[in-house]
Amino acid sequence: MAHPVVPPRPVHESVPGPEEDWELIQRGYASRDMDEKWDVFVEGEVAFMHRSWTGYGIFAVTFAPIDGDGWRIASAVVERDAERYGGTDDAYDCVTVSHRSSPPSPRVHHATRHPSAART
């Protein structure tokens, strides 16, 4: 079961990327085992990053198109409930958002639907 980000704290980061990267991000990512910490799914222009083993939403990243061919991170929020996510360093979370919002390598398993729908 996926749980939303509460209470959200804004994270400021804007990284441009090509259209091909956004297309890969939109496919999402479903973790295959406990060693993989993140499930990612996209609704509209928002990528939601949830902890795979708790279902807690940690990041919600909104993307926006840029002039020409590409996208950028328009805004992002991070979970700040210490019982759900122990992170308190905004600079670290900006790096995490930037890194986790990059497209996965071609070898990874992409989600085809919301990760909670895949679990029984």
PDB file of N, CA and C in Angstrom:
ATOM      1  N   MET A   1       0.843  -1.182   0.000  1.00  0.00           N
ATOM      2  CA  MET A   1       0.000   0.000   0.000  1.00  0.00           C
ATOM      3  C   MET A   1       0.884   1.239   0.000  1.00  0.00           C
ATOM      4  N   ALA A   2       0.601   2.172  -0.856  1.00  0.00           N
ATOM      5  CA  ALA A   2       1.369   3.410  -0.945  1.00  0.00           C
ATOM      6  C   ALA A   2       0.774   4.453  -0.012  1.00  0.00           C
ATOM      7  N   HIS A   3       1.640   5.175   0.677  1.00  0.00           N
ATOM      8  CA  HIS A   3       1.225   6.229   1.587  1.00  0.00           C
ATOM      9  C   HIS A   3       1.750   7.564   1.074  1.00  0.00           C
ATOM     10  N   PRO A   4       0.954   8.619   1.072  1.00  0.00           N
ATOM     11  CA  PRO A   4       1.402   9.910   0.532  1.00  0.00           C
ATOM     12  C   PRO A   4       2.446  10.590   1.412  1.00  0.00           C
ATOM     13  N   VAL A   5       3.113  11.591   0.846  1.00  0.00           N
ATOM     14  CA  VAL A   5       4.100  12.388   1.558  1.00  0.00           C
ATOM     15  C   VAL A   5       3.376  13.330   2.511  1.00  0.00           C
ATOM     16  N   VAL A   6       3.643  13.209   3.820  1.00  0.00           N
ATOM     17  CA  VAL A   6       3.073  14.111   4.820  1.00  0.00           C
ATOM     18  C   VAL A   6       4.054  14.300   5.959  1.00  0.00           C
ATOM     19  N   PRO A   7       4.259  15.443   6.519  1.00  0.00           N
ATOM     20  CA  PRO A   7       3.974  16.723   5.888  1.00  0.00           C
ATOM     21  C   PRO A   7       5.066  17.037   4.877  1.00  0.00           C
ATOM     22  N   PRO A   8       4.709  17.540   3.724  1.00  0.00           N
ATOM     23  CA  PRO A   8       5.739  17.796   2.719  1.00  0.00           C
ATOM     24  C   PRO A   8       6.575  19.024   3.035  1.00  0.00           C
ATOM     25  N   ARG A   9       7.833  18.972   2.659  1.00  0.00           N
ATOM     26  CA  ARG A   9       8.732  20.120   2.764  1.00  0.00           C
ATOM     27  C   ARG A   9       9.294  20.349   1.365  1.00  0.00           C
ATOM     28  N   PRO A  10       9.217  21.588   0.866  1.00  0.00           N
ATOM     29  CA  PRO A  10       9.732  21.862  -0.478  1.00  0.00           C
ATOM     30  C   PRO A  10      11.229  21.595  -0.590  1.00  0.00           C
ATOM     31  N   VAL A  11      11.626  21.043  -1.708  1.00  0.00           N
ATOM     32  CA  VAL A  11      13.025  20.823  -2.042  1.00  0.00           C
ATOM     33  C   VAL A  11      13.257  21.563  -3.346  1.00  0.00           C
ATOM     34  N   HIS A  12      14.278  22.395  -3.390  1.00  0.00           N
ATOM     35  CA  HIS A  12      14.510  23.210  -4.581  1.00  0.00           C
ATOM     36  C   HIS A  12      15.629  22.614  -5.418  1.00  0.00           C
ATOM     37  N   GLU A  13      15.278  22.220  -6.612  1.00  0.00           N
ATOM     38  CA  GLU A  13      16.243  21.644  -7.543  1.00  0.00           C
ATOM     39  C   GLU A  13      15.664  21.763  -8.943  1.00  0.00           C
ATOM     40  N   SER A  14      16.494  22.099  -9.905  1.00  0.00           N
ATOM     41  CA  SER A  14      16.031  22.184 -11.283  1.00  0.00           C
ATOM     42  C   SER A  14      17.131  21.666 -12.184  1.00  0.00           C
ATOM     43  N   VAL A  15      16.914  20.489 -12.711  1.00  0.00           N
ATOM     44  CA  VAL A  15      17.898  19.840 -13.561  1.00  0.00           C
ATOM     45  C   VAL A  15      17.281  19.607 -14.935  1.00  0.00           C
ATOM     46  N   PRO A  16      17.815  20.233 -15.986  1.00  0.00           N
ATOM     47  CA  PRO A  16      17.251  19.983 -17.313  1.00  0.00           C
ATOM     48  C   PRO A  16      17.631  18.597 -17.817  1.00  0.00           C
ATOM     49  N   GLY A  17      16.771  18.042 -18.651  1.00  0.00           N
ATOM     50  CA  GLY A  17      17.053  16.734 -19.235  1.00  0.00           C
ATOM     51  C   GLY A  17      16.353  16.601 -20.565  1.00  0.00           C
ATOM     52  N   PRO A  18      16.848  15.711 -21.419  1.00  0.00           N
ATOM     53  CA  PRO A  18      16.242  15.534 -22.741  1.00  0.00           C
ATOM     54  C   PRO A  18      14.902  14.807 -22.654  1.00  0.00           C
ATOM     55  N   GLU A  19      14.107  14.934 -23.687  1.00  0.00           N
ATOM     56  CA  GLU A  19      12.784  14.306 -23.761  1.00  0.00           C
ATOM     57  C   GLU A  19      12.871  12.787 -23.575  1.00  0.00           C
ATOM     58  N   GLU A  20      13.915  12.173 -24.099  1.00  0.00           N
ATOM     59  CA  GLU A  20      14.066  10.724 -23.980  1.00  0.00           C
ATOM     60  C   GLU A  20      14.153  10.296 -22.519  1.00  0.00           C
ATOM     61  N   ASP A  21      14.808  11.100 -21.682  1.00  0.00           N
ATOM     62  CA  ASP A  21      14.902  10.776 -20.257  1.00  0.00           C
ATOM     63  C   ASP A  21      13.529  10.821 -19.599  1.00  0.00           C
ATOM     64  N   TRP A  22      12.735  11.839 -19.914  1.00  0.00           N
ATOM     65  CA  TRP A  22      11.389  11.946 -19.335  1.00  0.00           C
ATOM     66  C   TRP A  22      10.548  10.740 -19.739  1.00  0.00           C
ATOM     67  N   GLU A  23      10.691  10.286 -20.984  1.00  0.00           N
ATOM     68  CA  GLU A  23       9.936   9.114 -21.439  1.00  0.00           C
ATOM     69  C   GLU A  23      10.299   7.878 -20.615  1.00  0.00           C
ATOM     70  N   LEU A  24      11.562   7.714 -20.269  1.00  0.00           N
ATOM     71  CA  LEU A  24      11.980   6.590 -19.431  1.00  0.00           C
ATOM     72  C   LEU A  24      11.458   6.728 -18.005  1.00  0.00           C
ATOM     73  N   ILE A  25      11.521   7.920 -17.458  1.00  0.00           N
ATOM     74  CA  ILE A  25      11.032   8.154 -16.096  1.00  0.00           C
ATOM     75  C   ILE A  25       9.548   7.831 -16.007  1.00  0.00           C
ATOM     76  N   GLN A  26       8.789   8.191 -17.033  1.00  0.00           N
ATOM     77  CA  GLN A  26       7.349   7.947 -17.028  1.00  0.00           C
ATOM     78  C   GLN A  26       7.000   6.464 -16.946  1.00  0.00           C
ATOM     79  N   ARG A  27       7.903   5.603 -17.322  1.00  0.00           N
ATOM     80  CA  ARG A  27       7.651   4.155 -17.224  1.00  0.00           C
ATOM     81  C   ARG A  27       7.602   3.687 -15.770  1.00  0.00           C
ATOM     82  N   GLY A  28       8.236   4.449 -14.872  1.00  0.00           N
ATOM     83  CA  GLY A  28       8.260   4.066 -13.467  1.00  0.00           C
ATOM     84  C   GLY A  28       9.256   2.968 -13.189  1.00  0.00           C
ATOM     85  N   TYR A  29       9.279   2.548 -11.939  1.00  0.00           N
ATOM     86  CA  TYR A  29      10.193   1.492 -11.523  1.00  0.00           C
ATOM     87  C   TYR A  29       9.581   0.748 -10.350  1.00  0.00           C
ATOM     88  N   ALA A  30       9.544  -0.553 -10.433  1.00  0.00           N
ATOM     89  CA  ALA A  30       9.054  -1.395  -9.343  1.00  0.00           C
ATOM     90  C   ALA A  30      10.216  -2.222  -8.813  1.00  0.00           C
ATOM     91  N   SER A  31      10.510  -2.072  -7.541  1.00  0.00           N
ATOM     92  CA  SER A  31      11.606  -2.838  -6.945  1.00  0.00           C
ATOM     93  C   SER A  31      11.305  -4.325  -7.034  1.00  0.00           C
ATOM     94  N   ARG A  32      12.355  -5.098  -7.190  1.00  0.00           N
ATOM     95  CA  ARG A  32      12.183  -6.543  -7.323  1.00  0.00           C
ATOM     96  C   ARG A  32      12.528  -7.303  -6.058  1.00  0.00           C
ATOM     97  N   ASP A  33      13.262  -6.652  -5.141  1.00  0.00           N
ATOM     98  CA  ASP A  33      13.601  -7.315  -3.880  1.00  0.00           C
ATOM     99  C   ASP A  33      13.883  -6.259  -2.818  1.00  0.00           C
ATOM    100  N   MET A  34      14.152  -6.700  -1.598  1.00  0.00           N
ATOM    101  CA  MET A  34      14.337  -5.783  -0.465  1.00  0.00           C
ATOM    102  C   MET A  34      15.602  -4.935  -0.589  1.00  0.00           C
ATOM    103  N   ASP A  35      16.543  -5.344  -1.413  1.00  0.00           N
ATOM    104  CA  ASP A  35      17.760  -4.558  -1.587  1.00  0.00           C
ATOM    105  C   ASP A  35      17.511  -3.291  -2.395  1.00  0.00           C
ATOM    106  N   GLU A  36      16.452  -3.269  -3.165  1.00  0.00           N
ATOM    107  CA  GLU A  36      16.099  -2.085  -3.936  1.00  0.00           C
ATOM    108  C   GLU A  36      15.146  -1.253  -3.099  1.00  0.00           C
ATOM    109  N   LYS A  37      15.531  -0.020  -2.798  1.00  0.00           N
ATOM    110  CA  LYS A  37      14.822   0.789  -1.811  1.00  0.00           C
ATOM    111  C   LYS A  37      13.664   1.604  -2.355  1.00  0.00           C
ATOM    112  N   TRP A  38      13.551   1.758  -3.676  1.00  0.00           N
ATOM    113  CA  TRP A  38      12.582   2.708  -4.219  1.00  0.00           C
ATOM    114  C   TRP A  38      11.625   2.082  -5.223  1.00  0.00           C
ATOM    115  N   ASP A  39      10.373   2.505  -5.131  1.00  0.00           N
ATOM    116  CA  ASP A  39       9.369   2.276  -6.164  1.00  0.00           C
ATOM    117  C   ASP A  39       9.023   3.661  -6.698  1.00  0.00           C
ATOM    118  N   VAL A  40       8.935   3.790  -7.999  1.00  0.00           N
ATOM    119  CA  VAL A  40       8.648   5.076  -8.628  1.00  0.00           C
ATOM    120  C   VAL A  40       7.480   4.900  -9.587  1.00  0.00           C
ATOM    121  N   PHE A  41       6.514   5.810  -9.498  1.00  0.00           N
ATOM    122  CA  PHE A  41       5.432   5.822 -10.470  1.00  0.00           C
ATOM    123  C   PHE A  41       5.102   7.260 -10.795  1.00  0.00           C
ATOM    124  N   VAL A  42       4.540   7.467 -11.972  1.00  0.00           N
ATOM    125  CA  VAL A  42       4.259   8.815 -12.458  1.00  0.00           C
ATOM    126  C   VAL A  42       2.767   8.949 -12.718  1.00  0.00           C
ATOM    127  N   GLU A  43       2.217  10.045 -12.238  1.00  0.00           N
ATOM    128  CA  GLU A  43       0.840  10.430 -12.545  1.00  0.00           C
ATOM    129  C   GLU A  43       0.898  11.836 -13.114  1.00  0.00           C
ATOM    130  N   GLY A  44       0.506  11.984 -14.381  1.00  0.00           N
ATOM    131  CA  GLY A  44       0.602  13.289 -15.031  1.00  0.00           C
ATOM    132  C   GLY A  44       2.060  13.688 -15.158  1.00  0.00           C
ATOM    133  N   GLU A  45       2.408  14.818 -14.571  1.00  0.00           N
ATOM    134  CA  GLU A  45       3.789  15.305 -14.616  1.00  0.00           C
ATOM    135  C   GLU A  45       4.486  15.162 -13.264  1.00  0.00           C
ATOM    136  N   VAL A  46       3.930  14.343 -12.366  1.00  0.00           N
ATOM    137  CA  VAL A  46       4.506  14.161 -11.032  1.00  0.00           C
ATOM    138  C   VAL A  46       5.018  12.732 -10.876  1.00  0.00           C
ATOM    139  N   ALA A  47       6.295  12.622 -10.505  1.00  0.00           N
ATOM    140  CA  ALA A  47       6.893  11.326 -10.190  1.00  0.00           C
ATOM    141  C   ALA A  47       6.864  11.164  -8.672  1.00  0.00           C
ATOM    142  N   PHE A  48       6.310  10.055  -8.229  1.00  0.00           N
ATOM    143  CA  PHE A  48       6.220   9.751  -6.803  1.00  0.00           C
ATOM    144  C   PHE A  48       7.246   8.677  -6.480  1.00  0.00           C
ATOM    145  N   MET A  49       8.064   8.946  -5.471  1.00  0.00           N
ATOM    146  CA  MET A  49       9.089   7.992  -5.062  1.00  0.00           C
ATOM    147  C   MET A  49       8.748   7.503  -3.657  1.00  0.00           C
ATOM    148  N   HIS A  50       8.476   6.205  -3.571  1.00  0.00           N
ATOM    149  CA  HIS A  50       8.068   5.581  -2.314  1.00  0.00           C
ATOM    150  C   HIS A  50       9.107   4.556  -1.888  1.00  0.00           C
ATOM    151  N   ARG A  51       9.276   4.414  -0.579  1.00  0.00           N
ATOM    152  CA  ARG A  51      10.145   3.366  -0.054  1.00  0.00           C
ATOM    153  C   ARG A  51       9.504   2.027  -0.370  1.00  0.00           C
ATOM    154  N   SER A  52      10.273   1.136  -0.948  1.00  0.00           N
ATOM    155  CA  SER A  52       9.717  -0.132  -1.414  1.00  0.00           C
ATOM    156  C   SER A  52       9.213  -1.010  -0.271  1.00  0.00           C
ATOM    157  N   TRP A  53       9.866  -0.973   0.870  1.00  0.00           N
ATOM    158  CA  TRP A  53       9.503  -1.897   1.942  1.00  0.00           C
ATOM    159  C   TRP A  53       8.473  -1.350   2.909  1.00  0.00           C
ATOM    160  N   THR A  54       8.173  -0.037   2.871  1.00  0.00           N
ATOM    161  CA  THR A  54       7.125   0.506   3.741  1.00  0.00           C
ATOM    162  C   THR A  54       5.946   1.044   2.945  1.00  0.00           C
ATOM    163  N   GLY A  55       6.187   1.409   1.688  1.00  0.00           N
ATOM    164  CA  GLY A  55       5.152   2.032   0.878  1.00  0.00           C
ATOM    165  C   GLY A  55       5.014   3.517   1.143  1.00  0.00           C
ATOM    166  N   TYR A  56       5.801   4.053   2.080  1.00  0.00           N
ATOM    167  CA  TYR A  56       5.698   5.478   2.401  1.00  0.00           C
ATOM    168  C   TYR A  56       6.209   6.337   1.256  1.00  0.00           C
ATOM    169  N   GLY A  57       5.423   7.364   0.914  1.00  0.00           N
ATOM    170  CA  GLY A  57       5.852   8.340  -0.072  1.00  0.00           C
ATOM    171  C   GLY A  57       6.907   9.237   0.551  1.00  0.00           C
ATOM    172  N   ILE A  58       8.064   9.332  -0.080  1.00  0.00           N
ATOM    173  CA  ILE A  58       9.149  10.160   0.444  1.00  0.00           C
ATOM    174  C   ILE A  58       9.331  11.415  -0.399  1.00  0.00           C
ATOM    175  N   PHE A  59       9.272  11.280  -1.715  1.00  0.00           N
ATOM    176  CA  PHE A  59       9.429  12.420  -2.602  1.00  0.00           C
ATOM    177  C   PHE A  59       8.279  12.467  -3.603  1.00  0.00           C
ATOM    178  N   ALA A  60       7.856  13.680  -3.941  1.00  0.00           N
ATOM    179  CA  ALA A  60       6.933  13.926  -5.051  1.00  0.00           C
ATOM    180  C   ALA A  60       7.597  15.001  -5.893  1.00  0.00           C
ATOM    181  N   VAL A  61       7.948  14.658  -7.123  1.00  0.00           N
ATOM    182  CA  VAL A  61       8.731  15.538  -7.992  1.00  0.00           C
ATOM    183  C   VAL A  61       7.885  15.920  -9.203  1.00  0.00           C
ATOM    184  N   THR A  62       7.661  17.218  -9.374  1.00  0.00           N
ATOM    185  CA  THR A  62       6.872  17.711 -10.502  1.00  0.00           C
ATOM    186  C   THR A  62       7.817  18.141 -11.615  1.00  0.00           C
ATOM    187  N   PHE A  63       7.553  17.641 -12.808  1.00  0.00           N
ATOM    188  CA  PHE A  63       8.352  17.971 -13.979  1.00  0.00           C
ATOM    189  C   PHE A  63       7.601  18.942 -14.871  1.00  0.00           C
ATOM    190  N   ALA A  64       8.348  19.755 -15.604  1.00  0.00           N
ATOM    191  CA  ALA A  64       7.752  20.715 -16.542  1.00  0.00           C
ATOM    192  C   ALA A  64       8.572  20.714 -17.827  1.00  0.00           C
ATOM    193  N   PRO A  65       7.899  20.867 -18.969  1.00  0.00           N
ATOM    194  CA  PRO A  65       8.643  20.926 -20.232  1.00  0.00           C
ATOM    195  C   PRO A  65       9.467  22.206 -20.308  1.00  0.00           C
ATOM    196  N   ILE A  66      10.558  22.139 -21.030  1.00  0.00           N
ATOM    197  CA  ILE A  66      11.374  23.332 -21.263  1.00  0.00           C
ATOM    198  C   ILE A  66      11.316  23.655 -22.746  1.00  0.00           C
ATOM    199  N   ASP A  67      11.660  24.895 -23.086  1.00  0.00           N
ATOM    200  CA  ASP A  67      11.659  25.287 -24.493  1.00  0.00           C
ATOM    201  C   ASP A  67      12.568  24.356 -25.276  1.00  0.00           C
ATOM    202  N   GLY A  68      12.108  23.986 -26.421  1.00  0.00           N
ATOM    203  CA  GLY A  68      12.873  23.053 -27.237  1.00  0.00           C
ATOM    204  C   GLY A  68      12.441  21.635 -26.919  1.00  0.00           C
ATOM    205  N   ASP A  69      13.394  20.787 -26.659  1.00  0.00           N
ATOM    206  CA  ASP A  69      13.125  19.368 -26.452  1.00  0.00           C
ATOM    207  C   ASP A  69      13.659  18.938 -25.089  1.00  0.00           C
ATOM    208  N   GLY A  70      12.788  18.822 -24.105  1.00  0.00           N
ATOM    209  CA  GLY A  70      13.261  18.356 -22.816  1.00  0.00           C
ATOM    210  C   GLY A  70      12.323  18.690 -21.677  1.00  0.00           C
ATOM    211  N   TRP A  71      12.811  18.523 -20.465  1.00  0.00           N
ATOM    212  CA  TRP A  71      12.046  18.723 -19.249  1.00  0.00           C
ATOM    213  C   TRP A  71      12.987  19.223 -18.162  1.00  0.00           C
ATOM    214  N   ARG A  72      12.408  19.629 -17.054  1.00  0.00           N
ATOM    215  CA  ARG A  72      13.195  20.016 -15.882  1.00  0.00           C
ATOM    216  C   ARG A  72      12.359  19.710 -14.658  1.00  0.00           C
ATOM    217  N   ILE A  73      13.010  19.620 -13.518  1.00  0.00           N
ATOM    218  CA  ILE A  73      12.291  19.489 -12.262  1.00  0.00           C
ATOM    219  C   ILE A  73      11.758  20.867 -11.913  1.00  0.00           C
ATOM    220  N   ALA A  74      10.442  21.009 -11.862  1.00  0.00           N
ATOM    221  CA  ALA A  74       9.821  22.295 -11.543  1.00  0.00           C
ATOM    222  C   ALA A  74       9.720  22.487 -10.036  1.00  0.00           C
ATOM    223  N   SER A  75       9.404  21.414  -9.318  1.00  0.00           N
ATOM    224  CA  SER A  75       9.322  21.481  -7.865  1.00  0.00           C
ATOM    225  C   SER A  75       9.380  20.070  -7.303  1.00  0.00           C
ATOM    226  N   ALA A  76       9.694  19.995  -6.030  1.00  0.00           N
ATOM    227  CA  ALA A  76       9.727  18.698  -5.357  1.00  0.00           C
ATOM    228  C   ALA A  76       9.431  18.908  -3.879  1.00  0.00           C
ATOM    229  N   VAL A  77       8.787  17.925  -3.287  1.00  0.00           N
ATOM    230  CA  VAL A  77       8.557  17.949  -1.843  1.00  0.00           C
ATOM    231  C   VAL A  77       9.098  16.647  -1.271  1.00  0.00           C
ATOM    232  N   VAL A  78       9.488  16.710  -0.001  1.00  0.00           N
ATOM    233  CA  VAL A  78      10.050  15.557   0.688  1.00  0.00           C
ATOM    234  C   VAL A  78       9.313  15.346   2.009  1.00  0.00           C
ATOM    235  N   GLU A  79       9.167  14.099   2.383  1.00  0.00           N
ATOM    236  CA  GLU A  79       8.563  13.713   3.652  1.00  0.00           C
ATOM    237  C   GLU A  79       9.435  14.222   4.803  1.00  0.00           C
ATOM    238  N   ARG A  80       8.822  14.775   5.848  1.00  0.00           N
ATOM    239  CA  ARG A  80       9.578  15.214   7.015  1.00  0.00           C
ATOM    240  C   ARG A  80       9.044  14.629   8.318  1.00  0.00           C
ATOM    241  N   ASP A  81       8.145  13.654   8.236  1.00  0.00           N
ATOM    242  CA  ASP A  81       7.711  12.933   9.420  1.00  0.00           C
ATOM    243  C   ASP A  81       8.840  11.968   9.779  1.00  0.00           C
ATOM    244  N   ALA A  82       9.488  12.183  10.927  1.00  0.00           N
ATOM    245  CA  ALA A  82      10.659  11.393  11.314  1.00  0.00           C
ATOM    246  C   ALA A  82      10.353   9.905  11.456  1.00  0.00           C
ATOM    247  N   GLU A  83       9.120   9.547  11.699  1.00  0.00           N
ATOM    248  CA  GLU A  83       8.772   8.130  11.809  1.00  0.00           C
ATOM    249  C   GLU A  83       8.697   7.463  10.437  1.00  0.00           C
ATOM    250  N   ARG A  84       8.537   8.248   9.386  1.00  0.00           N
ATOM    251  CA  ARG A  84       8.452   7.702   8.030  1.00  0.00           C
ATOM    252  C   ARG A  84       9.768   7.841   7.273  1.00  0.00           C
ATOM    253  N   TYR A  85      10.517   8.925   7.554  1.00  0.00           N
ATOM    254  CA  TYR A  85      11.756   9.199   6.831  1.00  0.00           C
ATOM    255  C   TYR A  85      12.670   9.982   7.749  1.00  0.00           C
ATOM    256  N   GLY A  86      13.860   9.476   7.961  1.00  0.00           N
ATOM    257  CA  GLY A  86      14.787  10.101   8.891  1.00  0.00           C
ATOM    258  C   GLY A  86      15.596  11.245   8.319  1.00  0.00           C
ATOM    259  N   GLY A  87      15.435  11.531   7.028  1.00  0.00           N
ATOM    260  CA  GLY A  87      16.223  12.593   6.408  1.00  0.00           C
ATOM    261  C   GLY A  87      15.831  13.968   6.921  1.00  0.00           C
ATOM    262  N   THR A  88      16.828  14.811   7.187  1.00  0.00           N
ATOM    263  CA  THR A  88      16.580  16.189   7.617  1.00  0.00           C
ATOM    264  C   THR A  88      17.472  17.180   6.887  1.00  0.00           C
ATOM    265  N   ASP A  89      18.314  16.693   5.995  1.00  0.00           N
ATOM    266  CA  ASP A  89      19.290  17.533   5.303  1.00  0.00           C
ATOM    267  C   ASP A  89      18.754  17.897   3.918  1.00  0.00           C
ATOM    268  N   ASP A  90      18.332  19.151   3.752  1.00  0.00           N
ATOM    269  CA  ASP A  90      17.752  19.592   2.482  1.00  0.00           C
ATOM    270  C   ASP A  90      18.726  19.433   1.319  1.00  0.00           C
ATOM    271  N   ALA A  91      20.009  19.731   1.539  1.00  0.00           N
ATOM    272  CA  ALA A  91      20.994  19.611   0.461  1.00  0.00           C
ATOM    273  C   ALA A  91      21.117  18.155   0.018  1.00  0.00           C
ATOM    274  N   TYR A  92      21.144  17.229   0.966  1.00  0.00           N
ATOM    275  CA  TYR A  92      21.211  15.802   0.631  1.00  0.00           C
ATOM    276  C   TYR A  92      19.968  15.380  -0.142  1.00  0.00           C
ATOM    277  N   ASP A  93      18.811  15.849   0.299  1.00  0.00           N
ATOM    278  CA  ASP A  93      17.572  15.485  -0.385  1.00  0.00           C
ATOM    279  C   ASP A  93      17.514  16.047  -1.797  1.00  0.00           C
ATOM    280  N   CYS A  94      18.099  17.223  -2.020  1.00  0.00           N
ATOM    281  CA  CYS A  94      18.164  17.772  -3.387  1.00  0.00           C
ATOM    282  C   CYS A  94      18.980  16.857  -4.292  1.00  0.00           C
ATOM    283  N   VAL A  95      20.102  16.357  -3.774  1.00  0.00           N
ATOM    284  CA  VAL A  95      20.932  15.437  -4.553  1.00  0.00           C
ATOM    285  C   VAL A  95      20.176  14.136  -4.799  1.00  0.00           C
ATOM    286  N   THR A  96      19.484  13.641  -3.780  1.00  0.00           N
ATOM    287  CA  THR A  96      18.713  12.407  -3.925  1.00  0.00           C
ATOM    288  C   THR A  96      17.630  12.573  -4.974  1.00  0.00           C
ATOM    289  N   VAL A  97      16.905  13.681  -4.922  1.00  0.00           N
ATOM    290  CA  VAL A  97      15.849  13.931  -5.912  1.00  0.00           C
ATOM    291  C   VAL A  97      16.453  13.982  -7.309  1.00  0.00           C
ATOM    292  N   SER A  98      17.546  14.681  -7.453  1.00  0.00           N
ATOM    293  CA  SER A  98      18.185  14.792  -8.759  1.00  0.00           C
ATOM    294  C   SER A  98      18.631  13.425  -9.261  1.00  0.00           C
ATOM    295  N   HIS A  99      19.257  12.647  -8.401  1.00  0.00           N
ATOM    296  CA  HIS A  99      19.760  11.322  -8.792  1.00  0.00           C
ATOM    297  C   HIS A  99      18.616  10.356  -9.065  1.00  0.00           C
ATOM    298  N   ARG A 100      17.637  10.301  -8.187  1.00  0.00           N
ATOM    299  CA  ARG A 100      16.525   9.364  -8.342  1.00  0.00           C
ATOM    300  C   ARG A 100      15.572   9.775  -9.458  1.00  0.00           C
ATOM    301  N   SER A 101      15.644  11.039  -9.876  1.00  0.00           N
ATOM    302  CA  SER A 101      14.793  11.501 -10.973  1.00  0.00           C
ATOM    303  C   SER A 101      15.466  11.326 -12.322  1.00  0.00           C
ATOM    304  N   SER A 102      16.652  10.744 -12.306  1.00  0.00           N
ATOM    305  CA  SER A 102      17.330  10.431 -13.559  1.00  0.00           C
ATOM    306  C   SER A 102      16.739   9.143 -14.108  1.00  0.00           C
ATOM    307  N   PRO A 103      16.792   8.977 -15.410  1.00  0.00           N
ATOM    308  CA  PRO A 103      16.214   7.755 -15.976  1.00  0.00           C
ATOM    309  C   PRO A 103      17.014   6.543 -15.535  1.00  0.00           C
ATOM    310  N   PRO A 104      16.346   5.407 -15.387  1.00  0.00           N
ATOM    311  CA  PRO A 104      17.042   4.183 -15.012  1.00  0.00           C
ATOM    312  C   PRO A 104      17.877   3.667 -16.168  1.00  0.00           C
ATOM    313  N   SER A 105      18.813   2.791 -15.842  1.00  0.00           N
ATOM    314  CA  SER A 105      19.611   2.186 -16.907  1.00  0.00           C
ATOM    315  C   SER A 105      18.717   1.266 -17.735  1.00  0.00           C
ATOM    316  N   PRO A 106      19.109   0.969 -18.954  1.00  0.00           N
ATOM    317  CA  PRO A 106      18.264   0.137 -19.820  1.00  0.00           C
ATOM    318  C   PRO A 106      18.016  -1.268 -19.272  1.00  0.00           C
ATOM    319  N   ARG A 107      18.824  -1.728 -18.299  1.00  0.00           N
ATOM    320  CA  ARG A 107      18.685  -3.083 -17.788  1.00  0.00           C
ATOM    321  C   ARG A 107      17.643  -3.216 -16.683  1.00  0.00           C
ATOM    322  N   VAL A 108      17.084  -2.137 -16.182  1.00  0.00           N
ATOM    323  CA  VAL A 108      16.193  -2.240 -15.030  1.00  0.00           C
ATOM    324  C   VAL A 108      14.782  -2.627 -15.423  1.00  0.00           C
ATOM    325  N   HIS A 109      14.056  -3.122 -14.446  1.00  0.00           N
ATOM    326  CA  HIS A 109      12.663  -3.525 -14.616  1.00  0.00           C
ATOM    327  C   HIS A 109      11.770  -2.305 -14.445  1.00  0.00           C
ATOM    328  N   HIS A 110      10.957  -1.999 -15.439  1.00  0.00           N
ATOM    329  CA  HIS A 110      10.061  -0.856 -15.358  1.00  0.00           C
ATOM    330  C   HIS A 110       8.690  -1.286 -14.869  1.00  0.00           C
ATOM    331  N   ALA A 111       8.074  -0.439 -14.067  1.00  0.00           N
ATOM    332  CA  ALA A 111       6.712  -0.701 -13.606  1.00  0.00           C
ATOM    333  C   ALA A 111       5.751  -0.434 -14.750  1.00  0.00           C
ATOM    334  N   THR A 112       4.667  -1.152 -14.775  1.00  0.00           N
ATOM    335  CA  THR A 112       3.653  -0.889 -15.775  1.00  0.00           C
ATOM    336  C   THR A 112       2.410  -0.295 -15.135  1.00  0.00           C
ATOM    337  N   ARG A 113       2.408  -0.222 -13.814  1.00  0.00           N
ATOM    338  CA  ARG A 113       1.296   0.361 -13.087  1.00  0.00           C
ATOM    339  C   ARG A 113       1.795   0.756 -11.712  1.00  0.00           C
ATOM    340  N   HIS A 114       0.934   1.372 -10.935  1.00  0.00           N
ATOM    341  CA  HIS A 114       1.272   1.791  -9.583  1.00  0.00           C
ATOM    342  C   HIS A 114       1.805   0.590  -8.815  1.00  0.00           C
ATOM    343  N   PRO A 115       2.922   0.743  -8.065  1.00  0.00           N
ATOM    344  CA  PRO A 115       3.535  -0.399  -7.379  1.00  0.00           C
ATOM    345  C   PRO A 115       2.607  -1.110  -6.400  1.00  0.00           C
ATOM    346  N   SER A 116       1.701  -0.412  -5.765  1.00  0.00           N
ATOM    347  CA  SER A 116       0.812  -1.063  -4.800  1.00  0.00           C
ATOM    348  C   SER A 116      -0.145  -2.011  -5.502  1.00  0.00           C
ATOM    349  N   ALA A 117      -0.450  -1.766  -6.766  1.00  0.00           N
ATOM    350  CA  ALA A 117      -1.348  -2.643  -7.510  1.00  0.00           C
ATOM    351  C   ALA A 117      -0.655  -3.956  -7.869  1.00  0.00           C
ATOM    352  N   ALA A 118       0.674  -3.956  -7.886  1.00  0.00           N
ATOM    353  CA  ALA A 118       1.413  -5.151  -8.259  1.00  0.00           C
ATOM    354  C   ALA A 118       1.603  -6.102  -7.082  1.00  0.00           C
ATOM    355  N   ARG A 119       1.373  -5.643  -5.875  1.00  0.00           N
ATOM    356  CA  ARG A 119       1.597  -6.459  -4.685  1.00  0.00           C
ATOM    357  C   ARG A 119       0.317  -7.136  -4.233  1.00  0.00           C
ATOM    358  N   THR A 120       0.474  -8.318  -3.711  1.00  0.00           N
ATOM    359  CA  THR A 120      -0.679  -9.019  -3.152  1.00  0.00           C
ATOM    360  C   THR A 120      -0.398  -9.439  -1.747  1.00  0.00           C
TER     361      THR A 120
END
